[in-house]
Amino acid sequence: MPLGPFATQAEFVEQFLQKTSGQNPEWLTLVVIDKTRSPSSADEEGELAGMMTFMNTSARHLSTEIGCIVVLPEYHRTHVTTNAVGLMLQCALSDPADGGMGLRRVQWTASSMNQASIRVAERMGFRREGVLRWHYVFRGGLQAGKVGTGRVLPQGSPEDDLGRDTVVLGLCWDDWQNGAKEVVQKAMSRTK
């Protein structure tokens, strides 16, 4: 994700929650709860499994992006990501008469180096639309543990900066109506 990494919980709250969801009406961060695990005394609903965000949402253009995905390590390679993304897609692309938002487009972007994220999006019916070359500059990215493209930076760039290419994927309302809804439902059914 273009933010972080975060050294402490306080830093996460300050940088992520306050500067994005807390202050930006185009962002809505959702907590992912795994209800298949026994609830602890701390949380009667289930276990915290991560968070995902509707971001860069435009009411005018009826579009959003699913991003800033954080799935806690113990939930990697489980049902959690598939089901959470599936629920978000159902919410975003279903007709308002059916309780959905009635959006026309849901976007997914990932670092070109993050093949796992790209595979999740494609498994959930997203189509590759292109690559934004040199989309981000991670100032001090090398020290922060970011992953860059591996390509040489322009002459005079700080040694610890990194560049990111971004793969853009999209899933649109007509994709949803013409089979993507069933692809998502099948993926969700396999993981239960």
N, C-alpha and C. Protein backbone atom coordinates (compact mmCIF):
# COMPACT_ATOMS: atom_id res chain seq x y z
N MET A 1 0.85 -1.18 0.00
CA MET A 1 0.00 0.00 0.00
C MET A 1 0.89 1.23 0.00
N PRO A 2 0.41 2.32 -0.54
CA PRO A 2 1.27 3.50 -0.63
C PRO A 2 1.60 4.13 0.73
N LEU A 3 0.90 3.74 1.78
CA LEU A 3 1.16 4.25 3.13
C LEU A 3 2.01 3.25 3.90
N GLY A 4 2.61 3.73 4.98
CA GLY A 4 3.37 2.84 5.85
C GLY A 4 4.74 2.50 5.28
N PRO A 5 5.44 1.53 5.86
CA PRO A 5 4.99 0.70 6.98
C PRO A 5 4.90 1.50 8.27
N PHE A 6 4.19 0.95 9.21
CA PHE A 6 3.94 1.63 10.47
C PHE A 6 4.71 0.93 11.58
N ALA A 7 5.47 1.68 12.35
CA ALA A 7 6.30 1.11 13.40
C ALA A 7 5.49 0.79 14.65
N THR A 8 4.43 1.55 14.90
CA THR A 8 3.64 1.35 16.12
C THR A 8 2.16 1.48 15.79
N GLN A 9 1.34 1.02 16.72
CA GLN A 9 -0.11 1.16 16.56
C GLN A 9 -0.49 2.65 16.52
N ALA A 10 0.14 3.46 17.34
CA ALA A 10 -0.15 4.90 17.36
C ALA A 10 0.18 5.54 16.02
N GLU A 11 1.29 5.14 15.42
CA GLU A 11 1.68 5.67 14.12
C GLU A 11 0.66 5.26 13.05
N PHE A 12 0.19 4.02 13.12
CA PHE A 12 -0.85 3.55 12.19
C PHE A 12 -2.11 4.40 12.32
N VAL A 13 -2.57 4.59 13.55
CA VAL A 13 -3.78 5.38 13.78
C VAL A 13 -3.61 6.79 13.25
N GLU A 14 -2.46 7.40 13.55
CA GLU A 14 -2.22 8.78 13.10
C GLU A 14 -2.14 8.88 11.58
N GLN A 15 -1.31 8.04 10.97
CA GLN A 15 -1.07 8.17 9.53
C GLN A 15 -2.19 7.60 8.68
N PHE A 16 -2.72 6.46 9.06
CA PHE A 16 -3.73 5.83 8.21
C PHE A 16 -5.14 6.30 8.54
N LEU A 17 -5.57 6.01 9.74
CA LEU A 17 -6.96 6.29 10.07
C LEU A 17 -7.30 7.78 10.05
N GLN A 18 -6.45 8.62 10.62
CA GLN A 18 -6.77 10.04 10.68
C GLN A 18 -6.59 10.73 9.34
N LYS A 19 -5.60 10.35 8.56
CA LYS A 19 -5.34 11.04 7.30
C LYS A 19 -6.15 10.48 6.13
N THR A 20 -6.77 9.34 6.31
CA THR A 20 -7.55 8.77 5.22
C THR A 20 -9.01 8.68 5.64
N SER A 21 -9.39 7.58 6.25
CA SER A 21 -10.79 7.36 6.59
C SER A 21 -11.35 8.42 7.53
N GLY A 22 -10.58 8.80 8.52
CA GLY A 22 -11.08 9.75 9.50
C GLY A 22 -11.35 11.13 8.94
N GLN A 23 -10.63 11.53 7.92
CA GLN A 23 -10.75 12.89 7.39
C GLN A 23 -11.28 12.94 5.96
N ASN A 24 -11.48 11.82 5.30
CA ASN A 24 -11.76 11.81 3.88
C ASN A 24 -13.08 11.11 3.59
N PRO A 25 -14.09 11.83 3.12
CA PRO A 25 -15.40 11.21 2.85
C PRO A 25 -15.36 10.24 1.66
N GLU A 26 -14.27 10.23 0.90
CA GLU A 26 -14.16 9.29 -0.22
C GLU A 26 -13.61 7.93 0.23
N TRP A 27 -13.29 7.80 1.52
CA TRP A 27 -12.73 6.56 2.06
C TRP A 27 -13.65 6.01 3.15
N LEU A 28 -13.84 4.71 3.14
CA LEU A 28 -14.57 4.01 4.19
C LEU A 28 -13.80 2.74 4.51
N THR A 29 -13.21 2.69 5.69
CA THR A 29 -12.46 1.52 6.10
C THR A 29 -13.36 0.60 6.90
N LEU A 30 -13.34 -0.67 6.52
CA LEU A 30 -14.17 -1.68 7.15
C LEU A 30 -13.28 -2.65 7.92
N VAL A 31 -13.73 -3.04 9.08
CA VAL A 31 -13.02 -4.03 9.88
C VAL A 31 -13.51 -5.40 9.43
N VAL A 32 -12.59 -6.33 9.25
CA VAL A 32 -12.93 -7.68 8.85
C VAL A 32 -12.92 -8.57 10.10
N ILE A 33 -14.07 -9.16 10.38
CA ILE A 33 -14.23 -10.04 11.54
C ILE A 33 -14.47 -11.46 11.03
N ASP A 34 -13.70 -12.42 11.53
CA ASP A 34 -13.92 -13.82 11.18
C ASP A 34 -14.89 -14.41 12.18
N LYS A 35 -16.11 -14.66 11.73
CA LYS A 35 -17.14 -15.21 12.61
C LYS A 35 -17.06 -16.72 12.71
N THR A 36 -16.15 -17.34 11.94
CA THR A 36 -16.02 -18.80 12.02
C THR A 36 -15.17 -19.23 13.21
N ARG A 37 -14.43 -18.30 13.77
CA ARG A 37 -13.61 -18.62 14.94
C ARG A 37 -14.41 -18.29 16.20
N SER A 38 -14.09 -19.00 17.26
CA SER A 38 -14.80 -18.77 18.52
C SER A 38 -14.55 -17.36 19.00
N PRO A 39 -15.62 -16.67 19.35
CA PRO A 39 -15.42 -15.31 19.88
C PRO A 39 -14.65 -15.35 21.19
N SER A 40 -13.82 -14.37 21.37
CA SER A 40 -13.08 -14.27 22.62
C SER A 40 -13.88 -13.41 23.59
N SER A 41 -13.43 -13.34 24.80
CA SER A 41 -14.12 -12.50 25.77
C SER A 41 -14.01 -11.03 25.39
N ALA A 42 -12.97 -10.71 24.59
CA ALA A 42 -12.77 -9.32 24.18
C ALA A 42 -13.75 -8.91 23.08
N ASP A 43 -14.15 -9.84 22.23
CA ASP A 43 -15.04 -9.51 21.12
C ASP A 43 -16.03 -10.64 20.91
N GLU A 44 -17.27 -10.39 21.21
CA GLU A 44 -18.30 -11.42 21.12
C GLU A 44 -18.67 -11.76 19.69
N GLU A 45 -18.33 -10.92 18.71
CA GLU A 45 -18.72 -11.16 17.33
C GLU A 45 -17.80 -12.13 16.60
N GLY A 46 -16.57 -12.27 17.03
CA GLY A 46 -15.59 -13.11 16.35
C GLY A 46 -14.22 -12.49 16.49
N GLU A 47 -13.28 -13.00 15.71
CA GLU A 47 -11.90 -12.50 15.81
C GLU A 47 -11.60 -11.47 14.74
N LEU A 48 -10.84 -10.46 15.13
CA LEU A 48 -10.37 -9.47 14.18
C LEU A 48 -9.43 -10.16 13.19
N ALA A 49 -9.73 -10.02 11.89
CA ALA A 49 -8.92 -10.67 10.86
C ALA A 49 -8.19 -9.65 9.98
N GLY A 50 -8.63 -8.39 10.01
CA GLY A 50 -7.97 -7.38 9.19
C GLY A 50 -8.85 -6.19 8.92
N MET A 51 -8.55 -5.50 7.82
CA MET A 51 -9.34 -4.34 7.40
C MET A 51 -9.21 -4.18 5.89
N MET A 52 -10.21 -3.58 5.30
CA MET A 52 -10.23 -3.27 3.87
C MET A 52 -10.96 -1.95 3.69
N THR A 53 -10.63 -1.24 2.62
CA THR A 53 -11.15 0.10 2.44
C THR A 53 -11.80 0.28 1.07
N PHE A 54 -12.99 0.90 1.07
CA PHE A 54 -13.51 1.51 -0.15
C PHE A 54 -12.81 2.87 -0.21
N MET A 55 -12.04 3.13 -1.26
CA MET A 55 -11.27 4.37 -1.32
C MET A 55 -11.45 5.02 -2.69
N ASN A 56 -11.13 6.30 -2.74
CA ASN A 56 -11.28 7.06 -3.98
C ASN A 56 -12.69 6.91 -4.55
N THR A 57 -13.66 6.91 -3.67
CA THR A 57 -15.05 6.71 -4.07
C THR A 57 -15.61 8.00 -4.65
N SER A 58 -16.32 7.86 -5.76
CA SER A 58 -16.93 9.01 -6.41
C SER A 58 -18.41 8.77 -6.59
N ALA A 59 -19.24 9.54 -5.86
CA ALA A 59 -20.69 9.45 -6.04
C ALA A 59 -21.08 9.93 -7.42
N ARG A 60 -20.39 10.92 -7.92
CA ARG A 60 -20.68 11.47 -9.25
C ARG A 60 -20.44 10.44 -10.35
N HIS A 61 -19.33 9.72 -10.25
CA HIS A 61 -18.97 8.77 -11.30
C HIS A 61 -19.34 7.33 -10.96
N LEU A 62 -19.98 7.14 -9.80
CA LEU A 62 -20.45 5.82 -9.37
C LEU A 62 -19.32 4.78 -9.41
N SER A 63 -18.21 5.16 -8.77
CA SER A 63 -17.05 4.27 -8.78
C SER A 63 -16.37 4.27 -7.42
N THR A 64 -15.60 3.22 -7.18
CA THR A 64 -14.82 3.10 -5.96
C THR A 64 -13.63 2.20 -6.23
N GLU A 65 -12.76 2.10 -5.27
CA GLU A 65 -11.61 1.20 -5.34
C GLU A 65 -11.55 0.41 -4.04
N ILE A 66 -11.27 -0.87 -4.15
CA ILE A 66 -11.01 -1.67 -2.95
C ILE A 66 -9.51 -1.66 -2.74
N GLY A 67 -9.08 -1.21 -1.58
CA GLY A 67 -7.65 -1.11 -1.34
C GLY A 67 -7.30 -1.05 0.12
N CYS A 68 -6.05 -0.70 0.38
CA CYS A 68 -5.50 -0.67 1.75
C CYS A 68 -5.93 -1.93 2.50
N ILE A 69 -5.66 -3.05 1.87
CA ILE A 69 -6.06 -4.35 2.42
C ILE A 69 -4.99 -4.81 3.39
N VAL A 70 -5.42 -5.06 4.60
CA VAL A 70 -4.54 -5.62 5.62
C VAL A 70 -5.24 -6.85 6.17
N VAL A 71 -4.64 -8.01 5.94
CA VAL A 71 -5.15 -9.26 6.50
C VAL A 71 -4.08 -9.76 7.45
N LEU A 72 -4.46 -9.97 8.69
CA LEU A 72 -3.49 -10.40 9.70
C LEU A 72 -2.87 -11.74 9.31
N PRO A 73 -1.60 -11.95 9.66
CA PRO A 73 -0.86 -13.14 9.18
C PRO A 73 -1.56 -14.47 9.43
N GLU A 74 -2.21 -14.63 10.57
CA GLU A 74 -2.86 -15.93 10.85
C GLU A 74 -4.06 -16.20 9.93
N TYR A 75 -4.47 -15.20 9.15
CA TYR A 75 -5.59 -15.36 8.23
C TYR A 75 -5.14 -15.41 6.77
N HIS A 76 -3.84 -15.37 6.51
CA HIS A 76 -3.35 -15.52 5.14
C HIS A 76 -3.70 -16.92 4.65
N ARG A 77 -4.04 -17.04 3.39
CA ARG A 77 -4.38 -18.32 2.76
C ARG A 77 -5.56 -19.00 3.45
N THR A 78 -6.52 -18.20 3.87
CA THR A 78 -7.77 -18.73 4.43
C THR A 78 -8.92 -18.13 3.62
N HIS A 79 -10.11 -18.32 4.11
CA HIS A 79 -11.33 -17.80 3.47
C HIS A 79 -11.50 -16.29 3.62
N VAL A 80 -10.74 -15.67 4.47
CA VAL A 80 -11.00 -14.28 4.87
C VAL A 80 -10.94 -13.29 3.70
N THR A 81 -9.87 -13.27 2.95
CA THR A 81 -9.74 -12.28 1.88
C THR A 81 -10.82 -12.48 0.83
N THR A 82 -11.02 -13.71 0.38
CA THR A 82 -12.03 -13.99 -0.65
C THR A 82 -13.41 -13.54 -0.20
N ASN A 83 -13.79 -13.90 1.01
CA ASN A 83 -15.13 -13.56 1.47
C ASN A 83 -15.31 -12.06 1.73
N ALA A 84 -14.29 -11.42 2.29
CA ALA A 84 -14.41 -9.97 2.54
C ALA A 84 -14.49 -9.20 1.23
N VAL A 85 -13.62 -9.54 0.26
CA VAL A 85 -13.68 -8.86 -1.04
C VAL A 85 -15.00 -9.17 -1.73
N GLY A 86 -15.45 -10.40 -1.65
CA GLY A 86 -16.73 -10.77 -2.26
C GLY A 86 -17.89 -9.97 -1.69
N LEU A 87 -17.92 -9.81 -0.38
CA LEU A 87 -18.98 -9.02 0.25
C LEU A 87 -18.91 -7.55 -0.18
N MET A 88 -17.68 -7.03 -0.29
CA MET A 88 -17.53 -5.64 -0.73
C MET A 88 -18.01 -5.48 -2.18
N LEU A 89 -17.70 -6.44 -3.04
CA LEU A 89 -18.17 -6.38 -4.43
C LEU A 89 -19.68 -6.47 -4.50
N GLN A 90 -20.26 -7.37 -3.71
CA GLN A 90 -21.73 -7.48 -3.69
C GLN A 90 -22.35 -6.15 -3.27
N CYS A 91 -21.80 -5.54 -2.26
CA CYS A 91 -22.31 -4.26 -1.78
C CYS A 91 -22.16 -3.18 -2.84
N ALA A 92 -21.00 -3.10 -3.47
CA ALA A 92 -20.72 -2.03 -4.42
C ALA A 92 -21.51 -2.15 -5.71
N LEU A 93 -21.65 -3.36 -6.24
CA LEU A 93 -22.19 -3.52 -7.59
C LEU A 93 -23.64 -3.98 -7.65
N SER A 94 -24.21 -4.37 -6.53
CA SER A 94 -25.62 -4.77 -6.54
C SER A 94 -26.51 -3.53 -6.64
N ASP A 95 -27.67 -3.74 -7.17
CA ASP A 95 -28.65 -2.67 -7.36
C ASP A 95 -29.12 -2.15 -5.99
N PRO A 96 -29.36 -0.84 -5.88
CA PRO A 96 -29.86 -0.30 -4.61
C PRO A 96 -31.16 -0.97 -4.14
N ALA A 97 -31.99 -1.40 -5.07
CA ALA A 97 -33.22 -2.10 -4.69
C ALA A 97 -32.93 -3.41 -3.97
N ASP A 98 -31.73 -3.95 -4.21
CA ASP A 98 -31.31 -5.19 -3.56
C ASP A 98 -30.37 -4.93 -2.38
N GLY A 99 -30.28 -3.67 -1.94
CA GLY A 99 -29.44 -3.31 -0.80
C GLY A 99 -28.02 -2.93 -1.17
N GLY A 100 -27.72 -2.82 -2.47
CA GLY A 100 -26.37 -2.46 -2.89
C GLY A 100 -26.22 -0.97 -3.14
N MET A 101 -25.02 -0.60 -3.53
CA MET A 101 -24.71 0.80 -3.79
C MET A 101 -24.99 1.20 -5.24
N GLY A 102 -25.12 0.22 -6.14
CA GLY A 102 -25.41 0.51 -7.54
C GLY A 102 -24.28 1.21 -8.28
N LEU A 103 -23.04 0.91 -7.90
CA LEU A 103 -21.91 1.55 -8.57
C LEU A 103 -21.69 0.94 -9.96
N ARG A 104 -20.99 1.69 -10.81
CA ARG A 104 -20.71 1.23 -12.17
C ARG A 104 -19.32 0.61 -12.30
N ARG A 105 -18.42 0.94 -11.37
CA ARG A 105 -17.04 0.46 -11.50
C ARG A 105 -16.41 0.28 -10.12
N VAL A 106 -15.70 -0.83 -9.97
CA VAL A 106 -14.86 -1.06 -8.80
C VAL A 106 -13.45 -1.30 -9.34
N GLN A 107 -12.51 -0.58 -8.80
CA GLN A 107 -11.11 -0.67 -9.25
C GLN A 107 -10.27 -1.36 -8.19
N TRP A 108 -9.18 -1.96 -8.64
CA TRP A 108 -8.20 -2.60 -7.76
C TRP A 108 -6.85 -2.22 -8.32
N THR A 109 -5.97 -1.70 -7.50
CA THR A 109 -4.62 -1.41 -7.95
C THR A 109 -3.64 -2.15 -7.05
N ALA A 110 -2.54 -2.57 -7.65
CA ALA A 110 -1.53 -3.31 -6.90
C ALA A 110 -0.17 -3.02 -7.49
N SER A 111 0.84 -3.07 -6.65
CA SER A 111 2.20 -2.97 -7.13
C SER A 111 2.43 -4.08 -8.15
N SER A 112 3.15 -3.77 -9.22
CA SER A 112 3.45 -4.80 -10.21
C SER A 112 4.27 -5.94 -9.60
N MET A 113 4.87 -5.69 -8.45
CA MET A 113 5.67 -6.71 -7.76
C MET A 113 4.83 -7.55 -6.81
N ASN A 114 3.56 -7.20 -6.62
CA ASN A 114 2.70 -7.91 -5.68
C ASN A 114 1.78 -8.86 -6.45
N GLN A 115 2.36 -9.97 -6.89
CA GLN A 115 1.59 -10.93 -7.68
C GLN A 115 0.45 -11.56 -6.88
N ALA A 116 0.60 -11.70 -5.58
CA ALA A 116 -0.47 -12.28 -4.76
C ALA A 116 -1.72 -11.40 -4.81
N SER A 117 -1.55 -10.09 -4.72
CA SER A 117 -2.69 -9.17 -4.79
C SER A 117 -3.35 -9.22 -6.17
N ILE A 118 -2.54 -9.26 -7.20
CA ILE A 118 -3.07 -9.32 -8.56
C ILE A 118 -3.86 -10.61 -8.76
N ARG A 119 -3.35 -11.74 -8.24
CA ARG A 119 -4.06 -13.02 -8.36
C ARG A 119 -5.40 -12.98 -7.62
N VAL A 120 -5.45 -12.37 -6.44
CA VAL A 120 -6.72 -12.25 -5.72
C VAL A 120 -7.73 -11.50 -6.57
N ALA A 121 -7.32 -10.36 -7.12
CA ALA A 121 -8.24 -9.56 -7.93
C ALA A 121 -8.74 -10.35 -9.13
N GLU A 122 -7.86 -11.01 -9.83
CA GLU A 122 -8.26 -11.77 -11.01
C GLU A 122 -9.17 -12.94 -10.64
N ARG A 123 -8.89 -13.60 -9.52
CA ARG A 123 -9.75 -14.69 -9.05
C ARG A 123 -11.16 -14.19 -8.75
N MET A 124 -11.25 -12.92 -8.34
CA MET A 124 -12.55 -12.35 -8.00
C MET A 124 -13.22 -11.66 -9.20
N GLY A 125 -12.70 -11.87 -10.39
CA GLY A 125 -13.36 -11.38 -11.59
C GLY A 125 -12.85 -10.07 -12.16
N PHE A 126 -11.87 -9.45 -11.51
CA PHE A 126 -11.31 -8.20 -12.04
C PHE A 126 -10.52 -8.50 -13.31
N ARG A 127 -10.50 -7.54 -14.22
CA ARG A 127 -9.73 -7.65 -15.46
C ARG A 127 -8.58 -6.66 -15.43
N ARG A 128 -7.42 -7.10 -15.92
CA ARG A 128 -6.28 -6.18 -16.04
C ARG A 128 -6.60 -5.15 -17.11
N GLU A 129 -6.33 -3.89 -16.77
CA GLU A 129 -6.61 -2.80 -17.71
C GLU A 129 -5.34 -2.08 -18.14
N GLY A 130 -4.28 -2.19 -17.38
CA GLY A 130 -3.05 -1.52 -17.76
C GLY A 130 -2.09 -1.41 -16.60
N VAL A 131 -0.96 -0.78 -16.90
CA VAL A 131 0.09 -0.55 -15.90
C VAL A 131 0.43 0.94 -15.90
N LEU A 132 0.39 1.55 -14.73
CA LEU A 132 0.83 2.93 -14.56
C LEU A 132 2.31 2.87 -14.17
N ARG A 133 3.16 3.17 -15.12
CA ARG A 133 4.60 3.08 -14.86
C ARG A 133 5.04 4.26 -14.00
N TRP A 134 5.94 3.98 -13.06
CA TRP A 134 6.48 4.98 -12.14
C TRP A 134 5.35 5.74 -11.44
N HIS A 135 4.33 5.00 -11.03
CA HIS A 135 3.14 5.60 -10.43
C HIS A 135 3.42 6.25 -9.08
N TYR A 136 4.24 5.60 -8.27
CA TYR A 136 4.59 6.15 -6.96
C TYR A 136 6.10 6.26 -6.82
N VAL A 137 6.52 7.27 -6.07
CA VAL A 137 7.89 7.34 -5.58
C VAL A 137 7.80 7.15 -4.08
N PHE A 138 8.47 6.14 -3.59
CA PHE A 138 8.54 5.90 -2.16
C PHE A 138 9.80 6.57 -1.64
N ARG A 139 9.64 7.77 -1.09
CA ARG A 139 10.79 8.49 -0.52
C ARG A 139 11.29 7.69 0.69
N GLY A 140 12.56 7.36 0.66
CA GLY A 140 13.12 6.56 1.76
C GLY A 140 12.58 5.14 1.78
N GLY A 141 12.06 4.69 0.67
CA GLY A 141 11.41 3.38 0.59
C GLY A 141 12.30 2.21 0.93
N LEU A 142 13.57 2.30 0.58
CA LEU A 142 14.50 1.21 0.86
C LEU A 142 14.62 1.01 2.37
N GLN A 143 14.79 2.11 3.10
CA GLN A 143 14.89 2.03 4.57
C GLN A 143 13.58 1.59 5.20
N ALA A 144 12.46 1.96 4.59
CA ALA A 144 11.15 1.65 5.16
C ALA A 144 10.70 0.23 4.84
N GLY A 145 11.47 -0.48 4.02
CA GLY A 145 11.11 -1.86 3.72
C GLY A 145 10.13 -2.01 2.55
N LYS A 146 9.96 -0.97 1.76
CA LYS A 146 9.09 -1.04 0.60
C LYS A 146 9.75 -1.87 -0.50
N VAL A 147 8.96 -2.31 -1.46
CA VAL A 147 9.47 -3.04 -2.61
C VAL A 147 9.26 -2.18 -3.84
N GLY A 148 10.33 -1.92 -4.55
CA GLY A 148 10.24 -1.11 -5.77
C GLY A 148 10.21 -1.98 -7.01
N THR A 149 10.31 -1.34 -8.15
CA THR A 149 10.24 -2.04 -9.43
C THR A 149 11.53 -2.77 -9.76
N GLY A 150 12.62 -2.38 -9.13
CA GLY A 150 13.91 -2.97 -9.44
C GLY A 150 14.63 -2.25 -10.58
N ARG A 151 13.96 -1.28 -11.18
CA ARG A 151 14.58 -0.52 -12.28
C ARG A 151 15.39 0.63 -11.72
N VAL A 152 16.34 1.07 -12.50
CA VAL A 152 17.23 2.15 -12.10
C VAL A 152 16.43 3.45 -12.02
N LEU A 153 16.69 4.22 -10.97
CA LEU A 153 16.04 5.52 -10.80
C LEU A 153 16.77 6.57 -11.61
N PRO A 154 16.12 7.69 -11.88
CA PRO A 154 16.78 8.76 -12.63
C PRO A 154 18.03 9.25 -11.89
N GLN A 155 19.00 9.72 -12.65
CA GLN A 155 20.23 10.24 -12.07
C GLN A 155 19.91 11.36 -11.09
N GLY A 156 20.57 11.36 -9.94
CA GLY A 156 20.37 12.38 -8.92
C GLY A 156 19.31 12.01 -7.90
N SER A 157 18.63 10.86 -8.06
CA SER A 157 17.63 10.43 -7.08
C SER A 157 18.31 9.98 -5.80
N PRO A 158 17.69 10.23 -4.65
CA PRO A 158 18.25 9.72 -3.41
C PRO A 158 18.39 8.20 -3.48
N GLU A 159 19.45 7.68 -2.91
CA GLU A 159 19.77 6.26 -3.01
C GLU A 159 18.72 5.36 -2.38
N ASP A 160 18.00 5.86 -1.37
CA ASP A 160 17.05 4.98 -0.71
C ASP A 160 15.61 5.18 -1.20
N ASP A 161 15.41 5.96 -2.27
CA ASP A 161 14.08 6.07 -2.89
C ASP A 161 13.82 4.84 -3.76
N LEU A 162 12.56 4.51 -3.90
CA LEU A 162 12.14 3.42 -4.77
C LEU A 162 10.99 3.89 -5.64
N GLY A 163 10.83 3.27 -6.79
CA GLY A 163 9.70 3.56 -7.66
C GLY A 163 8.76 2.38 -7.69
N ARG A 164 7.47 2.66 -7.93
CA ARG A 164 6.47 1.59 -8.03
C ARG A 164 5.70 1.74 -9.32
N ASP A 165 5.56 0.62 -10.04
CA ASP A 165 4.62 0.53 -11.14
C ASP A 165 3.34 -0.05 -10.55
N THR A 166 2.19 0.42 -11.03
CA THR A 166 0.91 -0.03 -10.49
C THR A 166 0.09 -0.71 -11.57
N VAL A 167 -0.34 -1.93 -11.30
CA VAL A 167 -1.25 -2.65 -12.18
C VAL A 167 -2.67 -2.21 -11.82
N VAL A 168 -3.44 -1.81 -12.84
CA VAL A 168 -4.83 -1.38 -12.64
C VAL A 168 -5.74 -2.49 -13.15
N LEU A 169 -6.68 -2.89 -12.29
CA LEU A 169 -7.67 -3.89 -12.65
C LEU A 169 -9.05 -3.29 -12.39
N GLY A 170 -10.04 -3.70 -13.15
CA GLY A 170 -11.37 -3.17 -12.97
C GLY A 170 -12.43 -4.25 -13.07
N LEU A 171 -13.51 -4.05 -12.35
CA LEU A 171 -14.70 -4.89 -12.46
C LEU A 171 -15.88 -3.93 -12.53
N CYS A 172 -16.62 -4.00 -13.62
CA CYS A 172 -17.68 -3.04 -13.87
C CYS A 172 -19.05 -3.68 -13.78
N TRP A 173 -20.08 -2.86 -13.72
CA TRP A 173 -21.44 -3.34 -13.52
C TRP A 173 -21.86 -4.34 -14.59
N ASP A 174 -21.43 -4.11 -15.85
CA ASP A 174 -21.82 -5.04 -16.91
C ASP A 174 -21.06 -6.36 -16.78
N ASP A 175 -19.82 -6.34 -16.28
CA ASP A 175 -19.12 -7.59 -15.98
C ASP A 175 -19.90 -8.35 -14.91
N TRP A 176 -20.33 -7.60 -13.89
CA TRP A 176 -21.06 -8.18 -12.76
C TRP A 176 -22.34 -8.87 -13.24
N GLN A 177 -23.07 -8.19 -14.11
CA GLN A 177 -24.33 -8.74 -14.63
C GLN A 177 -24.10 -9.90 -15.60
N ASN A 178 -22.93 -9.94 -16.23
CA ASN A 178 -22.66 -10.95 -17.26
C ASN A 178 -21.70 -12.05 -16.78
N GLY A 179 -21.82 -12.44 -15.53
CA GLY A 179 -21.09 -13.60 -15.04
C GLY A 179 -20.15 -13.39 -13.88
N ALA A 180 -19.69 -12.16 -13.65
CA ALA A 180 -18.74 -11.95 -12.54
C ALA A 180 -19.40 -12.20 -11.19
N LYS A 181 -20.69 -11.89 -11.08
CA LYS A 181 -21.39 -12.14 -9.80
C LYS A 181 -21.31 -13.63 -9.46
N GLU A 182 -21.50 -14.49 -10.45
CA GLU A 182 -21.43 -15.94 -10.22
C GLU A 182 -20.01 -16.40 -9.92
N VAL A 183 -19.01 -15.78 -10.56
CA VAL A 183 -17.61 -16.09 -10.27
C VAL A 183 -17.30 -15.79 -8.81
N VAL A 184 -17.75 -14.63 -8.34
CA VAL A 184 -17.51 -14.24 -6.95
C VAL A 184 -18.23 -15.18 -6.00
N GLN A 185 -19.49 -15.50 -6.29
CA GLN A 185 -20.25 -16.39 -5.42
C GLN A 185 -19.60 -17.77 -5.35
N LYS A 186 -19.13 -18.27 -6.49
CA LYS A 186 -18.45 -19.58 -6.52
C LYS A 186 -17.18 -19.53 -5.68
N ALA A 187 -16.39 -18.48 -5.81
CA ALA A 187 -15.16 -18.35 -5.01
C ALA A 187 -15.49 -18.30 -3.52
N MET A 188 -16.54 -17.56 -3.16
CA MET A 188 -16.92 -17.47 -1.75
C MET A 188 -17.44 -18.83 -1.23
N SER A 189 -18.17 -19.56 -2.04
CA SER A 189 -18.73 -20.86 -1.62
C SER A 189 -17.63 -21.89 -1.40
N ARG A 190 -16.55 -21.81 -2.19
CA ARG A 190 -15.43 -22.76 -2.04
C ARG A 190 -14.68 -22.57 -0.73
N THR A 191 -14.72 -21.36 -0.18
CA THR A 191 -13.88 -21.06 0.98
C THR A 191 -14.60 -21.23 2.31
N LYS A 192 -15.85 -21.57 2.29
CA LYS A 192 -16.59 -21.68 3.56
C LYS A 192 -16.32 -22.99 4.25
